[in-house]
mmCIF file of all heavy atoms, coordinates in Angstrom:
data_MODEL
# 
_entry.id   MODEL 
# 
loop_
_atom_site.group_PDB 
_atom_site.id 
_atom_site.type_symbol 
_atom_site.label_atom_id 
_atom_site.label_alt_id 
_atom_site.label_comp_id 
_atom_site.label_asym_id 
_atom_site.label_entity_id 
_atom_site.label_seq_id 
_atom_site.pdbx_PDB_ins_code 
_atom_site.Cartn_x 
_atom_site.Cartn_y 
_atom_site.Cartn_z 
_atom_site.occupancy 
_atom_site.B_iso_or_equiv 
_atom_site.pdbx_formal_charge 
_atom_site.auth_seq_id 
_atom_site.auth_comp_id 
_atom_site.auth_asym_id 
_atom_site.auth_atom_id 
_atom_site.pdbx_PDB_model_num 
ATOM 1   N N   . ILE A 1 1  ? 0.838   -1.199 0.000  1.00 0.00 ? 1  ILE A N   1 
ATOM 2   C CA  . ILE A 1 1  ? 0.000   0.000  0.000  1.00 0.00 ? 1  ILE A CA  1 
ATOM 3   C C   . ILE A 1 1  ? 0.874   1.250  0.000  1.00 0.00 ? 1  ILE A C   1 
ATOM 4   O O   . ILE A 1 1  ? 0.608   2.220  -0.734 1.00 0.00 ? 1  ILE A O   1 
ATOM 5   C CB  . ILE A 1 1  ? -0.953  -0.006 1.214  1.00 0.00 ? 1  ILE A CB  1 
ATOM 6   C CG1 . ILE A 1 1  ? -1.938  -1.176 1.104  1.00 0.00 ? 1  ILE A CG1 1 
ATOM 7   C CG2 . ILE A 1 1  ? -1.702  1.325  1.327  1.00 0.00 ? 1  ILE A CG2 1 
ATOM 8   C CD1 . ILE A 1 1  ? -2.834  -1.347 2.310  1.00 0.00 ? 1  ILE A CD1 1 
ATOM 9   N N   . THR A 1 2  ? 1.923   1.240  0.801  1.00 0.00 ? 2  THR A N   1 
ATOM 10  C CA  . THR A 1 2  ? 2.840   2.376  0.879  1.00 0.00 ? 2  THR A CA  1 
ATOM 11  C C   . THR A 1 2  ? 3.514   2.625  -0.466 1.00 0.00 ? 2  THR A C   1 
ATOM 12  O O   . THR A 1 2  ? 3.683   3.780  -0.883 1.00 0.00 ? 2  THR A O   1 
ATOM 13  C CB  . THR A 1 2  ? 3.901   2.125  1.965  1.00 0.00 ? 2  THR A CB  1 
ATOM 14  O OG1 . THR A 1 2  ? 3.263   2.041  3.244  1.00 0.00 ? 2  THR A OG1 1 
ATOM 15  C CG2 . THR A 1 2  ? 4.939   3.243  1.986  1.00 0.00 ? 2  THR A CG2 1 
ATOM 16  N N   . ARG A 1 3  ? 3.888   1.547  -1.161 1.00 0.00 ? 3  ARG A N   1 
ATOM 17  C CA  . ARG A 1 3  ? 4.551   1.702  -2.449 1.00 0.00 ? 3  ARG A CA  1 
ATOM 18  C C   . ARG A 1 3  ? 3.608   2.324  -3.483 1.00 0.00 ? 3  ARG A C   1 
ATOM 19  O O   . ARG A 1 3  ? 4.012   3.178  -4.271 1.00 0.00 ? 3  ARG A O   1 
ATOM 20  C CB  . ARG A 1 3  ? 5.052   0.342  -2.949 1.00 0.00 ? 3  ARG A CB  1 
ATOM 21  C CG  . ARG A 1 3  ? 5.918   0.445  -4.195 1.00 0.00 ? 3  ARG A CG  1 
ATOM 22  C CD  . ARG A 1 3  ? 6.731   -0.813 -4.426 1.00 0.00 ? 3  ARG A CD  1 
ATOM 23  N NE  . ARG A 1 3  ? 5.912   -1.953 -4.809 1.00 0.00 ? 3  ARG A NE  1 
ATOM 24  C CZ  . ARG A 1 3  ? 5.698   -3.029 -4.061 1.00 0.00 ? 3  ARG A CZ  1 
ATOM 25  N NH1 . ARG A 1 3  ? 6.242   -3.110 -2.862 1.00 0.00 ? 3  ARG A NH1 1 
ATOM 26  N NH2 . ARG A 1 3  ? 4.943   -4.017 -4.492 1.00 0.00 ? 3  ARG A NH2 1 
ATOM 27  N N   . PHE A 1 4  ? 2.349   1.928  -3.457 1.00 0.00 ? 4  PHE A N   1 
ATOM 28  C CA  . PHE A 1 4  ? 1.392   2.489  -4.406 1.00 0.00 ? 4  PHE A CA  1 
ATOM 29  C C   . PHE A 1 4  ? 1.061   3.948  -4.070 1.00 0.00 ? 4  PHE A C   1 
ATOM 30  O O   . PHE A 1 4  ? 0.975   4.792  -4.967 1.00 0.00 ? 4  PHE A O   1 
ATOM 31  C CB  . PHE A 1 4  ? 0.106   1.655  -4.424 1.00 0.00 ? 4  PHE A CB  1 
ATOM 32  C CG  . PHE A 1 4  ? 0.142   0.509  -5.388 1.00 0.00 ? 4  PHE A CG  1 
ATOM 33  C CD1 . PHE A 1 4  ? 0.717   -0.699 -5.027 1.00 0.00 ? 4  PHE A CD1 1 
ATOM 34  C CD2 . PHE A 1 4  ? -0.385  0.630  -6.667 1.00 0.00 ? 4  PHE A CD2 1 
ATOM 35  C CE1 . PHE A 1 4  ? 0.767   -1.765 -5.917 1.00 0.00 ? 4  PHE A CE1 1 
ATOM 36  C CE2 . PHE A 1 4  ? -0.338  -0.416 -7.572 1.00 0.00 ? 4  PHE A CE2 1 
ATOM 37  C CZ  . PHE A 1 4  ? 0.240   -1.623 -7.196 1.00 0.00 ? 4  PHE A CZ  1 
ATOM 38  N N   . LEU A 1 5  ? 0.862   4.262  -2.796 1.00 0.00 ? 5  LEU A N   1 
ATOM 39  C CA  . LEU A 1 5  ? 0.449   5.611  -2.399 1.00 0.00 ? 5  LEU A CA  1 
ATOM 40  C C   . LEU A 1 5  ? 1.631   6.562  -2.247 1.00 0.00 ? 5  LEU A C   1 
ATOM 41  O O   . LEU A 1 5  ? 1.450   7.767  -2.069 1.00 0.00 ? 5  LEU A O   1 
ATOM 42  C CB  . LEU A 1 5  ? -0.354  5.553  -1.098 1.00 0.00 ? 5  LEU A CB  1 
ATOM 43  C CG  . LEU A 1 5  ? -1.673  4.773  -1.188 1.00 0.00 ? 5  LEU A CG  1 
ATOM 44  C CD1 . LEU A 1 5  ? -2.398  4.796  0.151  1.00 0.00 ? 5  LEU A CD1 1 
ATOM 45  C CD2 . LEU A 1 5  ? -2.584  5.343  -2.290 1.00 0.00 ? 5  LEU A CD2 1 
ATOM 46  N N   . GLU A 1 6  ? 2.843   6.023  -2.277 1.00 0.00 ? 6  GLU A N   1 
ATOM 47  C CA  . GLU A 1 6  ? 4.076   6.820  -2.281 1.00 0.00 ? 6  GLU A CA  1 
ATOM 48  C C   . GLU A 1 6  ? 4.235   7.699  -1.045 1.00 0.00 ? 6  GLU A C   1 
ATOM 49  O O   . GLU A 1 6  ? 4.726   8.825  -1.125 1.00 0.00 ? 6  GLU A O   1 
ATOM 50  C CB  . GLU A 1 6  ? 4.159   7.669  -3.555 1.00 0.00 ? 6  GLU A CB  1 
ATOM 51  C CG  . GLU A 1 6  ? 4.171   6.846  -4.833 1.00 0.00 ? 6  GLU A CG  1 
ATOM 52  C CD  . GLU A 1 6  ? 4.261   7.717  -6.076 1.00 0.00 ? 6  GLU A CD  1 
ATOM 53  O OE1 . GLU A 1 6  ? 3.432   8.640  -6.222 1.00 0.00 ? 6  GLU A OE1 1 
ATOM 54  O OE2 . GLU A 1 6  ? 5.164   7.468  -6.893 1.00 0.00 ? 6  GLU A OE2 1 
ATOM 55  N N   . CYS A 1 7  ? 3.795   7.189  0.084  1.00 0.00 ? 7  CYS A N   1 
ATOM 56  C CA  . CYS A 1 7  ? 4.048   7.884  1.353  1.00 0.00 ? 7  CYS A CA  1 
ATOM 57  C C   . CYS A 1 7  ? 3.911   6.870  2.480  1.00 0.00 ? 7  CYS A C   1 
ATOM 58  O O   . CYS A 1 7  ? 3.233   5.851  2.340  1.00 0.00 ? 7  CYS A O   1 
ATOM 59  C CB  . CYS A 1 7  ? 3.086   9.055  1.563  1.00 0.00 ? 7  CYS A CB  1 
ATOM 60  S SG  . CYS A 1 7  ? 1.363   8.584  1.758  1.00 0.00 ? 7  CYS A SG  1 
ATOM 61  N N   . ASP A 1 8  ? 4.579   7.141  3.593  1.00 0.00 ? 8  ASP A N   1 
ATOM 62  C CA  . ASP A 1 8  ? 4.508   6.247  4.751  1.00 0.00 ? 8  ASP A CA  1 
ATOM 63  C C   . ASP A 1 8  ? 3.226   6.515  5.543  1.00 0.00 ? 8  ASP A C   1 
ATOM 64  O O   . ASP A 1 8  ? 2.752   7.653  5.604  1.00 0.00 ? 8  ASP A O   1 
ATOM 65  C CB  . ASP A 1 8  ? 5.719   6.448  5.657  1.00 0.00 ? 8  ASP A CB  1 
ATOM 66  C CG  . ASP A 1 8  ? 7.002   5.936  5.014  1.00 0.00 ? 8  ASP A CG  1 
ATOM 67  O OD1 . ASP A 1 8  ? 6.948   4.856  4.400  1.00 0.00 ? 8  ASP A OD1 1 
ATOM 68  O OD2 . ASP A 1 8  ? 8.038   6.617  5.127  1.00 0.00 ? 8  ASP A OD2 1 
ATOM 69  N N   . PRO A 1 9  ? 2.691   5.482  6.180  1.00 0.00 ? 9  PRO A N   1 
ATOM 70  C CA  . PRO A 1 9  ? 1.481   5.694  6.976  1.00 0.00 ? 9  PRO A CA  1 
ATOM 71  C C   . PRO A 1 9  ? 1.790   6.250  8.358  1.00 0.00 ? 9  PRO A C   1 
ATOM 72  O O   . PRO A 1 9  ? 2.912   6.137  8.853  1.00 0.00 ? 9  PRO A O   1 
ATOM 73  C CB  . PRO A 1 9  ? 0.898   4.283  7.085  1.00 0.00 ? 9  PRO A CB  1 
ATOM 74  C CG  . PRO A 1 9  ? 2.108   3.392  7.066  1.00 0.00 ? 9  PRO A CG  1 
ATOM 75  C CD  . PRO A 1 9  ? 3.092   4.061  6.137  1.00 0.00 ? 9  PRO A CD  1 
ATOM 76  N N   . VAL A 1 10 ? 0.775   6.835  8.951  1.00 0.00 ? 10 VAL A N   1 
ATOM 77  C CA  . VAL A 1 10 ? 0.825   7.289  10.336 1.00 0.00 ? 10 VAL A CA  1 
ATOM 78  C C   . VAL A 1 10 ? -0.142  6.419  11.127 1.00 0.00 ? 10 VAL A C   1 
ATOM 79  O O   . VAL A 1 10 ? -1.240  6.124  10.648 1.00 0.00 ? 10 VAL A O   1 
ATOM 80  C CB  . VAL A 1 10 ? 0.389   8.773  10.437 1.00 0.00 ? 10 VAL A CB  1 
ATOM 81  C CG1 . VAL A 1 10 ? 0.243   9.194  11.889 1.00 0.00 ? 10 VAL A CG1 1 
ATOM 82  C CG2 . VAL A 1 10 ? 1.390   9.662  9.713  1.00 0.00 ? 10 VAL A CG2 1 
ATOM 83  N N   . ILE A 1 11 ? 0.266   5.963  12.306 1.00 0.00 ? 11 ILE A N   1 
ATOM 84  C CA  . ILE A 1 11 ? -0.612  5.130  13.118 1.00 0.00 ? 11 ILE A CA  1 
ATOM 85  C C   . ILE A 1 11 ? -1.255  5.957  14.227 1.00 0.00 ? 11 ILE A C   1 
ATOM 86  O O   . ILE A 1 11 ? -0.578  6.737  14.905 1.00 0.00 ? 11 ILE A O   1 
ATOM 87  C CB  . ILE A 1 11 ? 0.145   3.918  13.710 1.00 0.00 ? 11 ILE A CB  1 
ATOM 88  C CG1 . ILE A 1 11 ? -0.816  2.993  14.449 1.00 0.00 ? 11 ILE A CG1 1 
ATOM 89  C CG2 . ILE A 1 11 ? 1.295   4.355  14.610 1.00 0.00 ? 11 ILE A CG2 1 
ATOM 90  C CD1 . ILE A 1 11 ? -0.220  1.652  14.833 1.00 0.00 ? 11 ILE A CD1 1 
ATOM 91  N N   . ILE A 1 12 ? -2.562  5.841  14.352 1.00 0.00 ? 12 ILE A N   1 
ATOM 92  C CA  . ILE A 1 12 ? -3.314  6.532  15.398 1.00 0.00 ? 12 ILE A CA  1 
ATOM 93  C C   . ILE A 1 12 ? -4.266  5.519  16.026 1.00 0.00 ? 12 ILE A C   1 
ATOM 94  O O   . ILE A 1 12 ? -4.962  4.793  15.311 1.00 0.00 ? 12 ILE A O   1 
ATOM 95  C CB  . ILE A 1 12 ? -4.110  7.725  14.845 1.00 0.00 ? 12 ILE A CB  1 
ATOM 96  C CG1 . ILE A 1 12 ? -3.175  8.746  14.186 1.00 0.00 ? 12 ILE A CG1 1 
ATOM 97  C CG2 . ILE A 1 12 ? -4.922  8.405  15.953 1.00 0.00 ? 12 ILE A CG2 1 
ATOM 98  C CD1 . ILE A 1 12 ? -3.883  9.888  13.492 1.00 0.00 ? 12 ILE A CD1 1 
ATOM 99  N N   . ASP A 1 13 ? -4.289  5.459  17.351 1.00 0.00 ? 13 ASP A N   1 
ATOM 100 C CA  . ASP A 1 13 ? -5.175  4.549  18.066 1.00 0.00 ? 13 ASP A CA  1 
ATOM 101 C C   . ASP A 1 13 ? -6.363  5.329  18.613 1.00 0.00 ? 13 ASP A C   1 
ATOM 102 O O   . ASP A 1 13 ? -6.187  6.361  19.273 1.00 0.00 ? 13 ASP A O   1 
ATOM 103 C CB  . ASP A 1 13 ? -4.429  3.866  19.214 1.00 0.00 ? 13 ASP A CB  1 
ATOM 104 C CG  . ASP A 1 13 ? -5.183  2.653  19.756 1.00 0.00 ? 13 ASP A CG  1 
ATOM 105 O OD1 . ASP A 1 13 ? -6.425  2.691  19.771 1.00 0.00 ? 13 ASP A OD1 1 
ATOM 106 O OD2 . ASP A 1 13 ? -4.531  1.672  20.159 1.00 0.00 ? 13 ASP A OD2 1 
ATOM 107 N N   . ALA A 1 14 ? -7.561  4.830  18.344 1.00 0.00 ? 14 ALA A N   1 
ATOM 108 C CA  . ALA A 1 14 ? -8.774  5.509  18.810 1.00 0.00 ? 14 ALA A CA  1 
ATOM 109 C C   . ALA A 1 14 ? -8.843  5.590  20.330 1.00 0.00 ? 14 ALA A C   1 
ATOM 110 O O   . ALA A 1 14 ? -9.621  6.378  20.879 1.00 0.00 ? 14 ALA A O   1 
ATOM 111 C CB  . ALA A 1 14 ? -10.016 4.787  18.278 1.00 0.00 ? 14 ALA A CB  1 
ATOM 112 N N   . SER A 1 15 ? -8.031  4.786  21.032 1.00 0.00 ? 15 SER A N   1 
ATOM 113 C CA  . SER A 1 15 ? -8.061  4.813  22.499 1.00 0.00 ? 15 SER A CA  1 
ATOM 114 C C   . SER A 1 15 ? -7.629  6.166  23.048 1.00 0.00 ? 15 SER A C   1 
ATOM 115 O O   . SER A 1 15 ? -7.959  6.521  24.185 1.00 0.00 ? 15 SER A O   1 
ATOM 116 C CB  . SER A 1 15 ? -7.160  3.713  23.072 1.00 0.00 ? 15 SER A CB  1 
ATOM 117 O OG  . SER A 1 15 ? -5.806  3.941  22.732 1.00 0.00 ? 15 SER A OG  1 
ATOM 118 N N   . GLN A 1 16 ? -6.891  6.940  22.246 1.00 0.00 ? 16 GLN A N   1 
ATOM 119 C CA  . GLN A 1 16 ? -6.491  8.277  22.675 1.00 0.00 ? 16 GLN A CA  1 
ATOM 120 C C   . GLN A 1 16 ? -7.659  9.257  22.669 1.00 0.00 ? 16 GLN A C   1 
ATOM 121 O O   . GLN A 1 16 ? -7.618  10.292 23.328 1.00 0.00 ? 16 GLN A O   1 
ATOM 122 C CB  . GLN A 1 16 ? -5.385  8.808  21.765 1.00 0.00 ? 16 GLN A CB  1 
ATOM 123 C CG  . GLN A 1 16 ? -4.097  7.981  21.803 1.00 0.00 ? 16 GLN A CG  1 
ATOM 124 C CD  . GLN A 1 16 ? -3.120  8.444  20.740 1.00 0.00 ? 16 GLN A CD  1 
ATOM 125 O OE1 . GLN A 1 16 ? -3.266  8.157  19.564 1.00 0.00 ? 16 GLN A OE1 1 
ATOM 126 N NE2 . GLN A 1 16 ? -2.117  9.185  21.164 1.00 0.00 ? 16 GLN A NE2 1 
ATOM 127 N N   . LEU A 1 17 ? -8.683  8.913  21.896 1.00 0.00 ? 17 LEU A N   1 
ATOM 128 C CA  . LEU A 1 17 ? -9.807  9.833  21.697 1.00 0.00 ? 17 LEU A CA  1 
ATOM 129 C C   . LEU A 1 17 ? -11.142 9.256  22.149 1.00 0.00 ? 17 LEU A C   1 
ATOM 130 O O   . LEU A 1 17 ? -12.154 9.952  22.120 1.00 0.00 ? 17 LEU A O   1 
ATOM 131 C CB  . LEU A 1 17 ? -9.916  10.207 20.213 1.00 0.00 ? 17 LEU A CB  1 
ATOM 132 C CG  . LEU A 1 17 ? -8.644  10.733 19.559 1.00 0.00 ? 17 LEU A CG  1 
ATOM 133 C CD1 . LEU A 1 17 ? -8.794  10.763 18.045 1.00 0.00 ? 17 LEU A CD1 1 
ATOM 134 C CD2 . LEU A 1 17 ? -8.317  12.116 20.084 1.00 0.00 ? 17 LEU A CD2 1 
ATOM 135 N N   . SER A 1 18 ? -11.140 7.977  22.545 1.00 0.00 ? 18 SER A N   1 
ATOM 136 C CA  . SER A 1 18 ? -12.407 7.327  22.882 1.00 0.00 ? 18 SER A CA  1 
ATOM 137 C C   . SER A 1 18 ? -12.149 6.222  23.898 1.00 0.00 ? 18 SER A C   1 
ATOM 138 O O   . SER A 1 18 ? -11.046 6.077  24.419 1.00 0.00 ? 18 SER A O   1 
ATOM 139 C CB  . SER A 1 18 ? -13.040 6.736  21.618 1.00 0.00 ? 18 SER A CB  1 
ATOM 140 O OG  . SER A 1 18 ? -12.281 5.625  21.165 1.00 0.00 ? 18 SER A OG  1 
ATOM 141 N N   . ALA A 1 19 ? -13.171 5.415  24.149 1.00 0.00 ? 19 ALA A N   1 
ATOM 142 C CA  . ALA A 1 19 ? -13.054 4.297  25.095 1.00 0.00 ? 19 ALA A CA  1 
ATOM 143 C C   . ALA A 1 19 ? -12.799 2.986  24.369 1.00 0.00 ? 19 ALA A C   1 
ATOM 144 O O   . ALA A 1 19 ? -13.047 1.915  24.913 1.00 0.00 ? 19 ALA A O   1 
ATOM 145 C CB  . ALA A 1 19 ? -14.321 4.193  25.941 1.00 0.00 ? 19 ALA A CB  1 
ATOM 146 N N   . GLN A 1 20 ? -12.302 3.047  23.144 1.00 0.00 ? 20 GLN A N   1 
ATOM 147 C CA  . GLN A 1 20 ? -12.093 1.840  22.344 1.00 0.00 ? 20 GLN A CA  1 
ATOM 148 C C   . GLN A 1 20 ? -10.673 1.760  21.809 1.00 0.00 ? 20 GLN A C   1 
ATOM 149 O O   . GLN A 1 20 ? -10.139 2.739  21.292 1.00 0.00 ? 20 GLN A O   1 
ATOM 150 C CB  . GLN A 1 20 ? -13.077 1.818  21.162 1.00 0.00 ? 20 GLN A CB  1 
ATOM 151 C CG  . GLN A 1 20 ? -12.973 0.558  20.326 1.00 0.00 ? 20 GLN A CG  1 
ATOM 152 C CD  . GLN A 1 20 ? -13.870 0.607  19.098 1.00 0.00 ? 20 GLN A CD  1 
ATOM 153 O OE1 . GLN A 1 20 ? -13.881 1.592  18.367 1.00 0.00 ? 20 GLN A OE1 1 
ATOM 154 N NE2 . GLN A 1 20 ? -14.631 -0.447 18.884 1.00 0.00 ? 20 GLN A NE2 1 
ATOM 155 N N   . HIS A 1 21 ? -10.063 0.575  21.943 1.00 0.00 ? 21 HIS A N   1 
ATOM 156 C CA  . HIS A 1 21 ? -8.775  0.317  21.300 1.00 0.00 ? 21 HIS A CA  1 
ATOM 157 C C   . HIS A 1 21 ? -9.034  0.020  19.824 1.00 0.00 ? 21 HIS A C   1 
ATOM 158 O O   . HIS A 1 21 ? -9.738  -0.926 19.488 1.00 0.00 ? 21 HIS A O   1 
ATOM 159 C CB  . HIS A 1 21 ? -8.079  -0.889 21.944 1.00 0.00 ? 21 HIS A CB  1 
ATOM 160 C CG  . HIS A 1 21 ? -7.533  -0.612 23.303 1.00 0.00 ? 21 HIS A CG  1 
ATOM 161 N ND1 . HIS A 1 21 ? -6.455  0.222  23.514 1.00 0.00 ? 21 HIS A ND1 1 
ATOM 162 C CD2 . HIS A 1 21 ? -7.907  -1.042 24.535 1.00 0.00 ? 21 HIS A CD2 1 
ATOM 163 C CE1 . HIS A 1 21 ? -6.193  0.291  24.802 1.00 0.00 ? 21 HIS A CE1 1 
ATOM 164 N NE2 . HIS A 1 21 ? -7.055  -0.462 25.447 1.00 0.00 ? 21 HIS A NE2 1 
ATOM 165 N N   . ARG A 1 22 ? -8.498  0.832  18.935 1.00 0.00 ? 22 ARG A N   1 
ATOM 166 C CA  . ARG A 1 22 ? -8.671  0.603  17.499 1.00 0.00 ? 22 ARG A CA  1 
ATOM 167 C C   . ARG A 1 22 ? -7.540  1.323  16.764 1.00 0.00 ? 22 ARG A C   1 
ATOM 168 O O   . ARG A 1 22 ? -7.680  2.476  16.345 1.00 0.00 ? 22 ARG A O   1 
ATOM 169 C CB  . ARG A 1 22 ? -10.037 1.109  17.026 1.00 0.00 ? 22 ARG A CB  1 
ATOM 170 C CG  . ARG A 1 22 ? -10.405 0.684  15.607 1.00 0.00 ? 22 ARG A CG  1 
ATOM 171 C CD  . ARG A 1 22 ? -11.821 1.149  15.263 1.00 0.00 ? 22 ARG A CD  1 
ATOM 172 N NE  . ARG A 1 22 ? -12.178 0.834  13.905 1.00 0.00 ? 22 ARG A NE  1 
ATOM 173 C CZ  . ARG A 1 22 ? -12.684 -0.318 13.488 1.00 0.00 ? 22 ARG A CZ  1 
ATOM 174 N NH1 . ARG A 1 22 ? -12.886 -1.285 14.353 1.00 0.00 ? 22 ARG A NH1 1 
ATOM 175 N NH2 . ARG A 1 22 ? -12.999 -0.520 12.225 1.00 0.00 ? 22 ARG A NH2 1 
ATOM 176 N N   . ALA A 1 23 ? -6.419  0.642  16.624 1.00 0.00 ? 23 ALA A N   1 
ATOM 177 C CA  . ALA A 1 23 ? -5.266  1.247  15.959 1.00 0.00 ? 23 ALA A CA  1 
ATOM 178 C C   . ALA A 1 23 ? -5.458  1.179  14.449 1.00 0.00 ? 23 ALA A C   1 
ATOM 179 O O   . ALA A 1 23 ? -5.772  0.126  13.904 1.00 0.00 ? 23 ALA A O   1 
ATOM 180 C CB  . ALA A 1 23 ? -3.995  0.517  16.366 1.00 0.00 ? 23 ALA A CB  1 
ATOM 181 N N   . ARG A 1 24 ? -5.255  2.300  13.789 1.00 0.00 ? 24 ARG A N   1 
ATOM 182 C CA  . ARG A 1 24 ? -5.442  2.369  12.336 1.00 0.00 ? 24 ARG A CA  1 
ATOM 183 C C   . ARG A 1 24 ? -4.238  3.056  11.698 1.00 0.00 ? 24 ARG A C   1 
ATOM 184 O O   . ARG A 1 24 ? -3.580  3.901  12.302 1.00 0.00 ? 24 ARG A O   1 
ATOM 185 C CB  . ARG A 1 24 ? -6.714  3.150  11.973 1.00 0.00 ? 24 ARG A CB  1 
ATOM 186 C CG  . ARG A 1 24 ? -7.965  2.704  12.689 1.00 0.00 ? 24 ARG A CG  1 
ATOM 187 C CD  . ARG A 1 24 ? -8.379  1.312  12.313 1.00 0.00 ? 24 ARG A CD  1 
ATOM 188 N NE  . ARG A 1 24 ? -9.052  1.249  11.016 1.00 0.00 ? 24 ARG A NE  1 
ATOM 189 C CZ  . ARG A 1 24 ? -9.575  0.131  10.524 1.00 0.00 ? 24 ARG A CZ  1 
ATOM 190 N NH1 . ARG A 1 24 ? -9.506  -0.997 11.204 1.00 0.00 ? 24 ARG A NH1 1 
ATOM 191 N NH2 . ARG A 1 24 ? -10.169 0.137  9.341  1.00 0.00 ? 24 ARG A NH2 1 
ATOM 192 N N   . LEU A 1 25 ? -3.997  2.687  10.440 1.00 0.00 ? 25 LEU A N   1 
ATOM 193 C CA  . LEU A 1 25 ? -2.956  3.321  9.640  1.00 0.00 ? 25 LEU A CA  1 
ATOM 194 C C   . LEU A 1 25 ? -3.583  4.344  8.712  1.00 0.00 ? 25 LEU A C   1 
ATOM 195 O O   . LEU A 1 25 ? -4.624  4.076  8.101  1.00 0.00 ? 25 LEU A O   1 
ATOM 196 C CB  . LEU A 1 25 ? -2.202  2.271  8.817  1.00 0.00 ? 25 LEU A CB  1 
ATOM 197 C CG  . LEU A 1 25 ? -1.404  1.231  9.601  1.00 0.00 ? 25 LEU A CG  1 
ATOM 198 C CD1 . LEU A 1 25 ? -0.882  0.156  8.659  1.00 0.00 ? 25 LEU A CD1 1 
ATOM 199 C CD2 . LEU A 1 25 ? -0.265  1.872  10.370 1.00 0.00 ? 25 LEU A CD2 1 
ATOM 200 N N   . PHE A 1 26 ? -2.961  5.507  8.599  1.00 0.00 ? 26 PHE A N   1 
ATOM 201 C CA  . PHE A 1 26 ? -3.468  6.580  7.743  1.00 0.00 ? 26 PHE A CA  1 
ATOM 202 C C   . PHE A 1 26 ? -2.381  7.002  6.753  1.00 0.00 ? 26 PHE A C   1 
ATOM 203 O O   . PHE A 1 26 ? -1.288  7.376  7.155  1.00 0.00 ? 26 PHE A O   1 
ATOM 204 C CB  . PHE A 1 26 ? -3.886  7.795  8.584  1.00 0.00 ? 26 PHE A CB  1 
ATOM 205 C CG  . PHE A 1 26 ? -5.051  7.536  9.498  1.00 0.00 ? 26 PHE A CG  1 
ATOM 206 C CD1 . PHE A 1 26 ? -4.859  6.969  10.745 1.00 0.00 ? 26 PHE A CD1 1 
ATOM 207 C CD2 . PHE A 1 26 ? -6.342  7.852  9.104  1.00 0.00 ? 26 PHE A CD2 1 
ATOM 208 C CE1 . PHE A 1 26 ? -5.917  6.714  11.594 1.00 0.00 ? 26 PHE A CE1 1 
ATOM 209 C CE2 . PHE A 1 26 ? -7.412  7.611  9.939  1.00 0.00 ? 26 PHE A CE2 1 
ATOM 210 C CZ  . PHE A 1 26 ? -7.204  7.038  11.186 1.00 0.00 ? 26 PHE A CZ  1 
ATOM 211 N N   . TRP A 1 27 ? -2.716  6.928  5.479  1.00 0.00 ? 27 TRP A N   1 
ATOM 212 C CA  . TRP A 1 27 ? -1.856  7.456  4.415  1.00 0.00 ? 27 TRP A CA  1 
ATOM 213 C C   . TRP A 1 27 ? -2.552  8.696  3.860  1.00 0.00 ? 27 TRP A C   1 
ATOM 214 O O   . TRP A 1 27 ? -3.785  8.726  3.750  1.00 0.00 ? 27 TRP A O   1 
ATOM 215 C CB  . TRP A 1 27 ? -1.710  6.450  3.280  1.00 0.00 ? 27 TRP A CB  1 
ATOM 216 C CG  . TRP A 1 27 ? -0.910  5.218  3.558  1.00 0.00 ? 27 TRP A CG  1 
ATOM 217 C CD1 . TRP A 1 27 ? 0.392   4.995  3.248  1.00 0.00 ? 27 TRP A CD1 1 
ATOM 218 C CD2 . TRP A 1 27 ? -1.373  3.989  4.166  1.00 0.00 ? 27 TRP A CD2 1 
ATOM 219 N NE1 . TRP A 1 27 ? 0.768   3.717  3.617  1.00 0.00 ? 27 TRP A NE1 1 
ATOM 220 C CE2 . TRP A 1 27 ? -0.290  3.082  4.176  1.00 0.00 ? 27 TRP A CE2 1 
ATOM 221 C CE3 . TRP A 1 27 ? -2.610  3.574  4.693  1.00 0.00 ? 27 TRP A CE3 1 
ATOM 222 C CZ2 . TRP A 1 27 ? -0.399  1.795  4.702  1.00 0.00 ? 27 TRP A CZ2 1 
ATOM 223 C CZ3 . TRP A 1 27 ? -2.714  2.295  5.224  1.00 0.00 ? 27 TRP A CZ3 1 
ATOM 224 C CH2 . TRP A 1 27 ? -1.610  1.419  5.216  1.00 0.00 ? 27 TRP A CH2 1 
ATOM 225 N N   . GLY A 1 28 ? -1.809  9.721  3.478  1.00 0.00 ? 28 GLY A N   1 
ATOM 226 C CA  . GLY A 1 28 ? -2.460  10.882 2.883  1.00 0.00 ? 28 GLY A CA  1 
ATOM 227 C C   . GLY A 1 28 ? -1.526  12.061 2.720  1.00 0.00 ? 28 GLY A C   1 
ATOM 228 O O   . GLY A 1 28 ? -0.353  12.015 3.109  1.00 0.00 ? 28 GLY A O   1 
ATOM 229 N N   . ASN A 1 29 ? -2.069  13.130 2.161  1.00 0.00 ? 29 ASN A N   1 
ATOM 230 C CA  . ASN A 1 29 ? -1.298  14.359 1.980  1.00 0.00 ? 29 ASN A CA  1 
ATOM 231 C C   . ASN A 1 29 ? -1.918  15.523 2.748  1.00 0.00 ? 29 ASN A C   1 
ATOM 232 O O   . ASN A 1 29 ? -1.697  16.686 2.417  1.00 0.00 ? 29 ASN A O   1 
ATOM 233 C CB  . ASN A 1 29 ? -1.182  14.715 0.493  1.00 0.00 ? 29 ASN A CB  1 
ATOM 234 C CG  . ASN A 1 29 ? -2.520  15.099 -0.125 1.00 0.00 ? 29 ASN A CG  1 
ATOM 235 O OD1 . ASN A 1 29 ? -3.593  14.859 0.446  1.00 0.00 ? 29 ASN A OD1 1 
ATOM 236 N ND2 . ASN A 1 29 ? -2.489  15.709 -1.311 1.00 0.00 ? 29 ASN A ND2 1 
# 
């Protein structure tokens, strides 16, 4: 996915913002 989108992902866990553990990867500009 990183090779196609040409950028590294950022990981953010919803536990920082809510009562749920849900780590996700975000690619974008």
